[in-house]
Protein backbone atom coordinates (compact mmCIF):
# COMPACT_ATOMS: atom_id res chain seq x y z
CA UNK A 1 130.73 38.23 117.85
CA UNK A 2 130.65 40.95 116.22
CA UNK A 3 129.63 44.35 117.97
CA UNK A 4 126.66 46.56 115.65
CA UNK A 5 128.06 49.51 114.95
CA UNK A 6 127.34 52.46 117.12
CA UNK A 7 124.42 54.05 114.87
CA UNK A 8 122.99 51.00 115.66
CA UNK A 9 123.49 50.52 119.24
CA UNK A 10 122.03 53.85 119.49
CA UNK A 11 118.82 52.94 117.87
CA UNK A 12 118.68 49.54 120.05
CA UNK A 13 118.78 51.60 123.07
CA UNK A 14 116.78 54.51 122.00
CA UNK A 15 113.98 52.09 121.01
CA UNK A 16 114.60 50.18 124.02
CA UNK A 17 114.05 52.67 126.17
CA UNK A 18 110.67 53.55 124.85
CA UNK A 19 109.44 50.36 125.00
CA UNK A 20 110.35 49.81 129.08
CA UNK A 21 108.40 53.70 129.71
CA UNK A 22 106.00 52.68 127.43
CA UNK A 23 105.50 48.92 128.96
CA UNK A 24 105.68 51.00 132.65
CA UNK A 25 102.66 53.43 131.46
CA UNK A 26 100.80 50.61 130.15
CA UNK A 27 101.37 48.22 133.38
CA UNK A 28 100.52 51.10 136.01
CA UNK A 29 97.48 52.33 134.21
CA UNK A 30 96.33 48.60 134.39
CA UNK A 31 97.13 48.35 137.78
CA UNK A 32 94.92 51.52 138.28
CA UNK A 33 92.46 50.84 135.90
CA UNK A 34 91.42 47.59 137.83
CA UNK A 35 91.46 49.18 141.10
CA UNK A 36 89.18 51.82 139.82
CA UNK A 37 86.74 49.15 137.87
CA UNK A 38 86.64 47.25 141.41
CA UNK A 39 84.51 49.78 143.01
CA UNK A 40 81.00 50.23 143.55
CA UNK A 41 78.85 52.21 141.31
CA UNK A 42 76.89 54.70 142.69
CA UNK A 43 73.38 55.52 141.13
CA UNK A 44 70.57 58.37 141.77
CA UNK A 45 67.52 57.75 141.40
CA UNK A 46 65.74 61.58 141.18
CA UNK A 47 62.17 61.24 142.62
CA UNK A 48 59.67 63.53 140.41
CA UNK A 49 59.30 67.11 141.66
CA UNK A 50 56.47 67.55 144.33
CA UNK A 51 57.05 63.79 145.75
CA UNK A 52 56.72 62.86 149.16
CA UNK A 53 59.68 61.06 149.34
CA UNK A 54 63.96 62.27 149.19
CA UNK A 55 65.95 60.30 145.87
CA UNK A 56 67.29 57.46 146.82
CA UNK A 57 71.16 56.19 146.24
CA UNK A 58 71.66 52.53 145.27
CA UNK A 59 74.84 51.37 145.60
CA UNK A 60 75.85 48.16 142.39
CA UNK A 61 79.38 46.69 141.58
CA UNK A 62 80.61 46.33 138.29
CA UNK A 63 79.91 42.29 136.90
CA UNK A 64 83.44 40.11 136.71
CA UNK A 65 82.81 39.65 132.76
CA UNK A 66 82.82 42.95 131.95
CA UNK A 67 85.68 44.46 134.50
CA UNK A 68 87.65 41.15 132.37
CA UNK A 69 86.81 42.93 129.25
CA UNK A 70 87.45 45.88 129.99
CA UNK A 71 90.84 45.17 131.20
CA UNK A 72 91.38 42.76 127.99
CA UNK A 73 90.95 45.61 125.97
CA UNK A 74 93.15 47.84 127.34
CA UNK A 75 95.97 45.74 127.09
CA UNK A 76 94.84 45.04 123.39
CA UNK A 77 94.94 48.23 121.96
CA UNK A 78 97.57 49.54 124.24
CA UNK A 79 99.54 46.77 122.90
CA UNK A 80 99.17 47.34 119.63
CA UNK A 81 99.80 51.41 120.35
CA UNK A 82 103.06 50.69 121.70
CA UNK A 83 104.25 48.54 119.08
CA UNK A 84 103.71 51.38 117.02
CA UNK A 85 105.17 54.26 118.87
CA UNK A 86 108.13 51.83 119.29
CA UNK A 87 109.05 51.46 115.56
CA UNK A 88 108.38 54.90 115.06
CA UNK A 89 110.21 55.82 118.10
CA UNK A 90 112.90 53.51 116.13
CA UNK A 91 113.23 55.01 112.88
CA UNK A 92 113.22 58.15 114.61
CA UNK A 93 115.78 56.98 116.44
CA UNK A 94 117.91 56.18 113.48
CA UNK A 95 117.52 59.21 111.87
CA UNK A 96 118.85 60.85 114.77
CA UNK A 97 121.61 58.91 115.78
CA UNK A 98 122.76 59.13 112.21
CA UNK A 99 122.41 63.16 112.40
CA UNK A 100 124.30 63.15 115.63
CA UNK A 101 127.28 61.16 113.76
CA UNK A 102 127.38 63.18 110.61
CA UNK A 103 130.62 65.04 112.30
CA UNK A 104 132.18 61.44 113.20
CA UNK A 105 131.71 60.21 109.60
CA UNK A 106 133.29 63.48 108.64
CA UNK A 107 136.47 63.21 110.29
CA UNK A 108 136.83 59.23 109.76
CA UNK A 109 136.27 60.44 106.04
CA UNK A 110 138.66 62.48 106.26
CA UNK A 111 141.43 60.24 108.57
CA UNK A 112 141.43 57.61 105.37
CA UNK A 113 142.11 59.70 102.58
CA UNK A 114 145.32 61.05 104.06
CA UNK A 115 146.38 57.63 105.18
CA UNK A 116 145.28 55.79 101.42
CA UNK A 117 146.81 58.66 99.65
CA UNK A 118 149.95 56.99 97.56
CA UNK A 119 152.34 59.60 99.76
CA UNK A 120 150.04 60.30 103.13
CA UNK A 121 152.58 62.78 104.03
CA UNK A 122 151.81 65.31 101.30
CA UNK A 123 148.42 64.69 101.93
CA UNK A 124 148.33 66.34 105.21
CA UNK A 125 147.43 70.01 103.93
CA UNK A 126 143.86 68.09 104.12
CA UNK A 127 141.73 69.56 107.16
CA UNK A 128 138.57 68.70 108.41
CA UNK A 129 137.29 72.36 109.56
CA UNK A 130 134.46 71.45 111.32
CA UNK A 131 131.63 73.76 111.29
CA UNK A 132 129.03 74.67 114.47
CA UNK A 133 129.54 74.78 118.37
CA UNK A 134 132.21 74.42 120.24
CA UNK A 135 131.30 70.79 121.66
CA UNK A 136 133.39 67.53 122.60
CA UNK A 137 133.03 66.38 118.38
CA UNK A 138 134.10 69.92 117.73
CA UNK A 139 136.72 69.85 119.67
CA UNK A 140 138.13 66.52 118.67
CA UNK A 141 137.98 67.66 115.13
CA UNK A 142 140.12 71.30 116.31
CA UNK A 143 142.15 68.82 117.98
CA UNK A 144 142.80 66.18 114.58
CA UNK A 145 143.67 69.49 112.25
CA UNK A 146 146.20 70.79 115.29
CA UNK A 147 148.01 67.25 115.06
CA UNK A 148 147.91 67.59 111.04
CA UNK A 149 149.46 70.87 110.84
CA UNK A 150 152.17 70.17 112.86
CA UNK A 151 152.74 67.04 110.81
CA UNK A 152 152.56 68.96 107.83
CA UNK A 153 155.05 71.21 109.22
CA UNK A 154 157.05 69.06 110.01
CA UNK A 155 157.34 66.98 107.34
CA UNK A 156 158.37 69.82 104.99
CA UNK A 157 160.78 71.01 107.41
CA UNK A 158 162.33 67.78 107.36
CA UNK A 159 162.41 67.94 103.18
CA UNK A 160 163.63 71.65 103.27
CA UNK A 161 166.32 70.49 105.16
CA UNK A 162 167.21 67.42 103.21
CA UNK A 163 167.49 70.04 100.01
CA UNK A 164 169.42 72.86 101.49
CA UNK A 165 172.06 70.17 103.82
CA UNK A 166 172.44 69.10 100.23
CA UNK A 167 172.70 72.24 97.84
CA UNK A 168 175.16 73.29 100.79
CA UNK A 169 177.57 70.25 101.11
CA UNK A 170 177.28 70.09 96.86
CA UNK A 171 180.26 73.14 96.59
CA UNK A 172 182.87 71.51 98.43
CA UNK A 173 182.70 68.76 96.74
CA UNK A 174 182.95 69.87 93.95
CA UNK A 175 186.33 72.30 94.68
CA UNK A 176 187.72 69.14 96.05
CA UNK A 177 186.84 67.25 92.98
CA UNK A 178 188.65 70.44 91.28
CA UNK A 179 191.47 70.05 93.16
CA UNK A 180 192.10 66.55 93.25
CA UNK A 181 192.25 66.44 89.28
CA UNK A 182 194.35 69.16 89.70
CA UNK A 183 196.98 66.96 91.18
CA UNK A 184 196.35 64.12 89.37
CA UNK A 185 197.71 65.61 86.17
CA UNK A 186 200.08 67.36 87.35
CA UNK A 187 203.38 66.12 85.64
CA UNK A 188 205.24 66.63 88.78
CA UNK A 189 203.00 64.13 90.89
CA UNK A 190 204.47 60.01 91.76
CA UNK A 191 202.54 57.40 90.99
CA UNK A 192 201.96 56.75 94.47
CA UNK A 193 199.79 60.53 94.94
CA UNK A 194 198.12 59.59 91.24
CA UNK A 195 197.04 56.90 92.57
CA UNK A 196 195.55 58.00 95.66
CA UNK A 197 194.13 60.76 93.91
CA UNK A 198 192.01 58.30 91.92
CA UNK A 199 190.75 56.96 94.68
CA UNK A 200 189.62 60.12 96.51
CA UNK A 201 188.31 60.96 93.40
CA UNK A 202 186.35 58.05 93.49
CA UNK A 203 185.31 58.62 96.94
CA UNK A 204 184.57 62.21 96.00
CA UNK A 205 182.34 60.77 92.90
CA UNK A 206 180.59 58.78 95.43
CA UNK A 207 179.44 61.31 97.77
CA UNK A 208 178.41 63.43 94.87
CA UNK A 209 175.92 60.70 93.54
CA UNK A 210 174.85 60.53 97.31
CA UNK A 211 173.92 64.25 97.45
CA UNK A 212 172.62 64.60 94.25
CA UNK A 213 170.56 61.38 95.49
CA UNK A 214 169.31 63.20 98.19
CA UNK A 215 168.57 66.47 95.91
CA UNK A 216 166.10 64.64 93.44
CA UNK A 217 164.72 62.76 96.83
CA UNK A 218 163.35 65.56 98.35
CA UNK A 219 162.46 67.69 94.75
CA UNK A 220 160.35 64.62 93.74
CA UNK A 221 158.77 64.51 97.26
CA UNK A 222 157.20 67.69 96.45
CA UNK A 223 153.83 68.01 94.26
CA UNK A 224 154.42 68.19 90.54
CA UNK A 225 153.27 72.46 89.91
CA UNK A 226 154.44 72.58 86.01
CA UNK A 227 153.19 69.19 84.16
CA UNK A 228 153.59 68.76 80.69
CA UNK A 229 153.15 65.86 77.75
CA UNK A 230 155.40 63.33 78.09
CA UNK A 231 155.86 60.03 76.49
CA UNK A 232 157.42 57.26 78.71
CA UNK A 233 158.48 55.57 75.10
CA UNK A 234 160.49 58.28 73.97
CA UNK A 235 161.74 58.63 78.03
CA UNK A 236 162.54 54.90 77.54
CA UNK A 237 164.02 55.29 74.14
CA UNK A 238 166.55 58.16 75.04
CA UNK A 239 167.24 56.40 78.28
CA UNK A 240 168.28 53.28 76.98
CA UNK A 241 170.75 55.03 74.82
CA UNK A 242 172.17 56.51 77.16
CA UNK A 243 172.42 53.51 79.39
CA UNK A 244 173.98 51.04 76.20
CA UNK A 245 177.77 51.60 77.19
CA UNK A 246 177.56 50.48 80.61
CA UNK A 247 175.62 47.53 79.85
CA UNK A 248 177.67 45.99 77.43
CA UNK A 249 180.54 46.72 79.59
CA UNK A 250 178.50 44.43 82.00
CA UNK A 251 177.69 42.03 79.44
CA UNK A 252 174.15 42.94 80.08
CA UNK A 253 171.62 42.60 77.14
CA UNK A 254 169.35 45.72 77.98
CA UNK A 255 166.29 46.00 74.95
CA UNK A 256 162.54 47.50 74.71
CA UNK A 257 161.05 45.10 71.97
CA UNK A 258 157.65 46.56 71.71
CA UNK A 259 157.60 50.47 72.98
CA UNK A 260 154.21 51.81 73.02
CA UNK A 261 152.78 55.14 73.15
CA UNK A 262 152.09 55.53 76.73
CA UNK A 263 151.49 59.55 77.27
CA UNK A 264 151.51 61.12 80.85
CA UNK A 265 151.63 64.30 82.39
CA UNK A 266 154.38 65.34 84.58
CA UNK A 267 158.25 66.64 84.65
CA UNK A 268 160.45 65.63 82.07
CA UNK A 269 163.84 65.56 84.20
CA UNK A 270 162.17 63.71 86.97
CA UNK A 271 160.55 60.74 84.63
CA UNK A 272 163.83 60.08 82.07
CA UNK A 273 165.51 59.88 86.30
CA UNK A 274 162.85 57.21 87.13
CA UNK A 275 163.38 55.24 84.42
CA UNK A 276 167.05 55.24 84.19
CA UNK A 277 167.41 54.58 88.31
CA UNK A 278 165.10 51.20 87.40
CA UNK A 279 167.18 50.20 83.93
CA UNK A 280 170.12 50.89 86.38
CA UNK A 281 169.70 49.00 88.85
CA UNK A 282 168.59 46.10 86.90
CA UNK A 283 172.15 46.57 85.21
CA UNK A 284 173.72 47.00 88.38
CA UNK A 285 172.16 43.78 90.29
CA UNK A 286 172.15 41.11 87.48
CA UNK A 287 173.84 37.83 87.04
CA UNK A 288 176.96 39.25 84.87
CA UNK A 289 177.47 37.78 81.59
CA UNK A 290 174.44 36.67 80.10
CA UNK A 291 172.71 38.61 82.00
CA UNK A 292 169.34 40.80 80.45
CA UNK A 293 167.30 43.80 80.69
CA UNK A 294 163.78 44.40 79.20
CA UNK A 295 161.78 47.01 78.97
CA UNK A 296 158.21 47.93 78.37
CA UNK A 297 155.66 50.31 78.28
CA UNK A 298 151.62 50.15 77.49
CA UNK A 299 148.86 52.63 77.83
CA UNK A 300 146.01 50.60 79.94
CA UNK A 301 142.02 50.36 78.80
CA UNK A 302 141.46 51.77 82.39
CA UNK A 303 143.32 55.25 82.16
CA UNK A 304 146.29 54.67 83.13
CA UNK A 305 149.91 53.95 81.66
CA UNK A 306 152.07 51.51 83.06
CA UNK A 307 156.34 51.16 82.55
CA UNK A 308 157.05 47.20 83.21
CA UNK A 309 161.67 46.71 84.00
CA UNK A 310 162.10 43.02 84.46
CA UNK A 311 166.23 41.73 85.14
CA UNK A 312 167.49 38.47 85.52
CA UNK A 313 169.87 37.96 88.44
CA UNK A 314 170.36 36.22 92.17
CA UNK A 315 166.86 35.35 93.87
CA UNK A 316 165.21 37.93 95.97
CA UNK A 317 162.78 36.44 98.53
CA UNK A 318 159.68 39.02 98.53
CA UNK A 319 159.79 39.36 102.28
CA UNK A 320 162.83 41.79 101.43
CA UNK A 321 160.90 43.47 98.38
CA UNK A 322 159.81 46.16 100.46
CA UNK A 323 162.75 47.43 102.21
CA UNK A 324 164.10 48.20 99.13
CA UNK A 325 161.85 50.51 98.70
CA UNK A 326 163.72 52.81 101.84
CA UNK A 327 166.35 55.29 101.46
CA UNK A 328 169.76 53.72 102.06
CA UNK A 329 168.76 50.01 101.98
CA UNK A 330 170.25 47.16 99.78
CA UNK A 331 169.42 43.82 99.16
CA UNK A 332 172.09 41.74 101.86
CA UNK A 333 174.55 43.47 103.49
CA UNK A 334 177.43 43.52 101.30
CA UNK A 335 178.50 46.12 99.51
CA UNK A 336 181.51 45.20 95.98
CA UNK A 337 183.78 47.31 94.35
CA UNK A 338 181.18 47.38 91.52
CA UNK A 339 178.06 48.64 93.45
CA UNK A 340 178.18 52.66 93.44
CA UNK A 341 174.86 53.47 94.52
CA UNK A 342 174.01 55.20 97.43
CA UNK A 343 171.05 52.82 97.75
CA UNK A 344 168.70 55.99 97.04
CA UNK A 345 167.72 54.19 93.36
CA UNK A 346 163.99 52.74 94.38
CA UNK A 347 163.09 55.21 96.97
CA UNK A 348 163.73 57.92 93.86
CA UNK A 349 161.51 55.65 91.73
CA UNK A 350 158.51 55.67 94.05
CA UNK A 351 158.45 59.15 96.06
CA UNK A 352 158.33 60.51 91.72
CA UNK A 353 155.88 58.08 90.81
CA UNK A 354 153.90 59.27 93.80
CA UNK A 355 154.54 63.01 93.14
CA UNK A 356 153.39 62.04 89.58
CA UNK A 357 150.35 60.28 91.34
CA UNK A 358 150.77 57.24 90.60
CA UNK A 359 152.51 54.23 92.32
CA UNK A 360 155.24 51.53 91.92
CA UNK A 361 155.18 47.41 93.18
CA UNK A 362 158.00 44.99 92.58
CA UNK A 363 157.96 41.00 92.39
CA UNK A 364 160.30 38.06 92.34
CA UNK A 365 161.13 36.48 89.23
CA UNK A 366 160.99 32.50 89.76
CA UNK A 367 164.32 32.22 87.91
CA UNK A 368 165.40 35.39 89.84
CA UNK A 369 165.67 39.29 89.79
CA UNK A 370 162.78 41.30 89.57
CA UNK A 371 160.26 42.75 87.56
CA UNK A 372 158.94 46.20 88.86
CA UNK A 373 155.92 47.82 87.54
CA UNK A 374 155.43 51.56 87.46
CA UNK A 375 151.82 52.73 87.01
CA UNK A 376 150.80 56.55 86.53
CA UNK A 377 147.85 58.61 85.56
CA UNK A 378 146.95 58.55 81.76
CA UNK A 379 147.02 61.71 79.33
CA UNK A 380 145.76 62.33 75.76
CA UNK A 381 148.24 62.40 73.11
CA UNK A 382 148.92 65.51 71.76
């Protein structure tokens, strides 16, 4: 059985208490009045002045019919009055309960806004800041604000740590790459040394991609401050031109058959990286020769722009899709020699989309592969 809301329960409790108190009062009045009407009524007959006889007092009793009529009238009118008073008490109880619970509604609404935000960790700066005396609800709101403040500092510290650590790691990787390239191009280097150097350069390049991905992920998890007008159609066209050689080498057909204008506000570099990661993901996780990647962008009537990237490839179970957007997660545990990703591609896509006030979803295709949709707030064209 579904329980009533706390406001309704408080109202029912208040009305029940008022009704019980009224019934007890009416019952006591009925008993006391009944006892009073059962006593003799004393009537004094006053003699006229100058009479020789003294005044005479007679004792009479009220008839049963008159007594019953008086008690019945008491019950009828008292019951009607009790019903009216109870109804008014319930109405006032509803209003008072709502007023008393208003601070709790404010706390609940704040919690819902934080939980329903596309990126809840970027909504932790919001506070309840409940005014009023320091009662139990005020203490609860202040404790909630303190928790949000500590979580906000924790997430900010984590992002700063990732960004600083990634930045510090780029310098030694760059130096090691320069040394390895110098060693590989020396005339005195033997074939074995050059082969080992090429292997170390490949490992170094993979580490550089990982560090760059972490830096980009940390940057994209911050809110966009400086935004410019960007047409996703231009970004898609530019990205497909850059990735054309990689797609040809892998035997994948990549195209955007009918690009439409899709204007949004944001960071052009991050949006280009979003499109590039999706297309690269479609190229690398495909069937090989004969595979394809299709890109489409359009403006939706409800004021959103949509970017869709579909690709052929292996069948992906639907329950595996949420894990693909987590850092360092891939579908399947094996790592092939062609897999040069760092496991951050879709994580960066989601972070960039959420930083721009949008979101990303993915659905498996029946014949294999994925269909990834990114929605962003639309902006009027310049």
